[in-house]
Protein backbone atom coordinates (compact mmCIF):
# COMPACT_ATOMS: atom_id res chain seq x y z
CA MET A 1 -17.47 -18.09 -26.23
CA LEU A 2 -15.76 -20.31 -23.77
CA SER A 3 -12.74 -22.76 -25.48
CA SER A 4 -11.12 -25.57 -24.08
CA ASN A 5 -7.87 -23.26 -22.88
CA ASP A 6 -10.29 -21.48 -20.41
CA SER A 7 -12.44 -24.66 -20.01
CA ARG A 8 -9.54 -26.34 -18.73
CA ASP A 9 -7.24 -23.78 -17.00
CA SER A 10 -10.52 -23.14 -14.61
CA HIS A 11 -9.99 -26.80 -13.21
CA VAL A 12 -6.52 -26.44 -12.85
CA GLY A 13 -5.58 -25.61 -8.75
CA VAL A 14 -3.12 -23.18 -7.65
CA ILE A 15 -0.65 -26.23 -7.23
CA ALA A 16 -1.14 -27.51 -10.41
CA SER A 17 -0.53 -24.77 -12.15
CA LEU A 18 2.73 -23.71 -10.63
CA LEU A 19 4.31 -28.12 -11.22
CA ASP A 20 2.72 -27.42 -14.64
CA THR A 21 5.74 -27.64 -17.10
CA THR A 22 4.31 -26.94 -20.37
CA PHE A 23 2.67 -23.76 -18.62
CA THR A 24 0.45 -23.18 -20.41
CA SER A 25 -1.93 -22.66 -17.31
CA PHE A 26 -1.02 -19.59 -15.54
CA VAL A 27 -0.33 -19.31 -12.00
CA THR A 28 0.36 -15.37 -11.76
CA LEU A 29 -3.65 -14.70 -12.36
CA ARG A 30 -4.99 -16.30 -9.25
CA MET A 31 -1.53 -15.26 -7.03
CA ALA A 32 -2.09 -11.52 -8.00
CA ARG A 33 -4.75 -10.31 -5.14
CA LEU A 34 -3.02 -11.87 -2.37
CA ILE A 35 0.77 -10.51 -4.22
CA TYR A 36 -0.94 -7.33 -4.16
CA ILE A 37 -2.88 -7.33 -0.91
CA MET A 38 0.78 -8.92 1.12
CA VAL A 39 2.81 -5.94 -0.39
CA ALA A 40 -0.01 -3.83 0.75
CA LEU A 41 0.08 -4.71 4.04
CA ILE A 42 3.92 -4.75 4.10
CA LEU A 43 4.24 -0.88 2.76
CA PHE A 44 1.98 0.01 4.94
CA GLY A 45 2.70 -1.57 7.57
CA GLY A 46 6.07 -0.53 8.36
CA TYR A 47 4.91 3.42 8.16
CA LEU A 48 2.68 2.35 11.14
CA VAL A 49 5.73 0.73 12.55
CA SER A 50 8.15 3.47 11.74
CA LEU A 51 5.40 5.80 13.01
CA LEU A 52 4.84 4.09 16.59
CA PHE A 53 9.57 4.65 16.94
CA LEU A 54 8.74 8.10 16.12
CA LEU A 55 5.54 8.52 18.61
CA PHE A 56 7.60 6.60 22.05
CA THR A 57 11.30 7.81 20.57
CA ASN A 58 9.16 10.99 21.38
CA ASN A 59 10.94 12.79 18.36
CA MET A 60 7.28 14.14 17.82
CA VAL A 61 9.01 16.89 15.18
CA GLY A 62 10.23 13.30 12.76
CA PHE A 63 6.58 11.88 13.53
CA VAL A 64 4.13 15.27 12.89
CA LEU A 65 6.62 14.63 9.54
CA ALA A 66 6.42 11.67 8.42
CA LEU A 67 2.79 11.64 10.12
CA LEU A 68 2.47 14.37 6.95
CA VAL A 69 4.69 13.45 4.50
CA ALA A 70 6.82 9.67 4.62
CA TRP A 71 2.63 8.31 3.60
CA ILE A 72 3.83 9.07 -0.49
CA VAL A 73 6.60 6.78 0.55
CA PRO A 74 4.76 3.58 0.54
CA LEU A 75 2.53 5.21 -1.80
CA VAL A 76 4.03 5.69 -5.02
CA TRP A 77 5.48 2.72 -3.54
CA LEU A 78 2.40 0.43 -3.87
CA CYS A 79 0.97 2.55 -7.09
CA SER A 80 4.83 1.24 -8.94
CA ILE A 81 4.02 -2.32 -7.40
CA ARG A 82 -0.15 -2.43 -9.36
CA MET A 83 1.44 -1.10 -12.71
CA GLY A 84 3.96 -3.42 -12.69
CA MET A 85 1.73 -6.39 -12.36
CA GLU A 86 -1.52 -4.99 -14.60
CA PHE A 87 1.82 -4.87 -16.80
CA VAL A 88 2.53 -8.40 -16.45
CA ILE A 89 -1.51 -9.59 -16.19
CA ALA A 90 -2.03 -7.67 -19.87
CA LEU A 91 0.61 -9.50 -20.84
CA ILE A 92 -0.96 -12.46 -19.68
CA ARG A 93 -3.75 -12.67 -20.66
CA SER A 94 -3.14 -11.13 -24.37
CA ALA A 95 -1.26 -13.98 -24.51
CA GLU A 96 -4.70 -16.44 -23.39
CA ASN A 97 -7.15 -14.50 -26.30
CA THR A 98 -3.72 -15.50 -28.31
CA SER A 99 -4.28 -19.05 -28.20
CA VAL A 100 -8.47 -19.04 -27.71
CA MET A 101 -8.30 -16.93 -30.99
CA LEU A 102 -5.74 -19.40 -32.63
CA ASP A 103 -7.57 -22.90 -31.76
CA ILE A 104 -10.61 -20.89 -33.11
CA MET A 105 -8.53 -19.63 -36.64
CA LYS A 106 -7.51 -24.06 -36.93
CA ALA A 107 -10.86 -24.68 -35.76
CA GLU A 108 -12.69 -23.02 -38.55
CA GLN A 109 -9.52 -24.41 -41.13
CA LYS A 110 -10.83 -27.70 -40.45
CA ASN A 111 -14.36 -27.26 -40.50
CA LYS A 112 -13.27 -26.12 -44.04
CA LYS A 113 -11.09 -28.90 -44.88
CA SER A 114 -14.47 -31.51 -44.11
CA GLU A 115 -16.58 -29.27 -46.08
């Protein structure tokens, strides 16, 4: 069942959400995928650049160590960022669901008063 908040938020664009001063429309949910992909590309891109640097400077010991061990650092950072983003998204969805429940309760109270 879609409430008025759900239907309103689905039609609001990213720019409109950014400029919403009432904070009834959340931009984080729309941007989370893009932010996650950008962070992953930056982390693993940096890892690949460091591997190439070590390879082209003929530092074979450093290259082999980086190849075997250094991938753990960007992976841990990516996991940490993912967990933080999931926490924020869970908070936002909880706020949205609370808003929907409040609208339903108000509608039910209005119907009881009119009976």
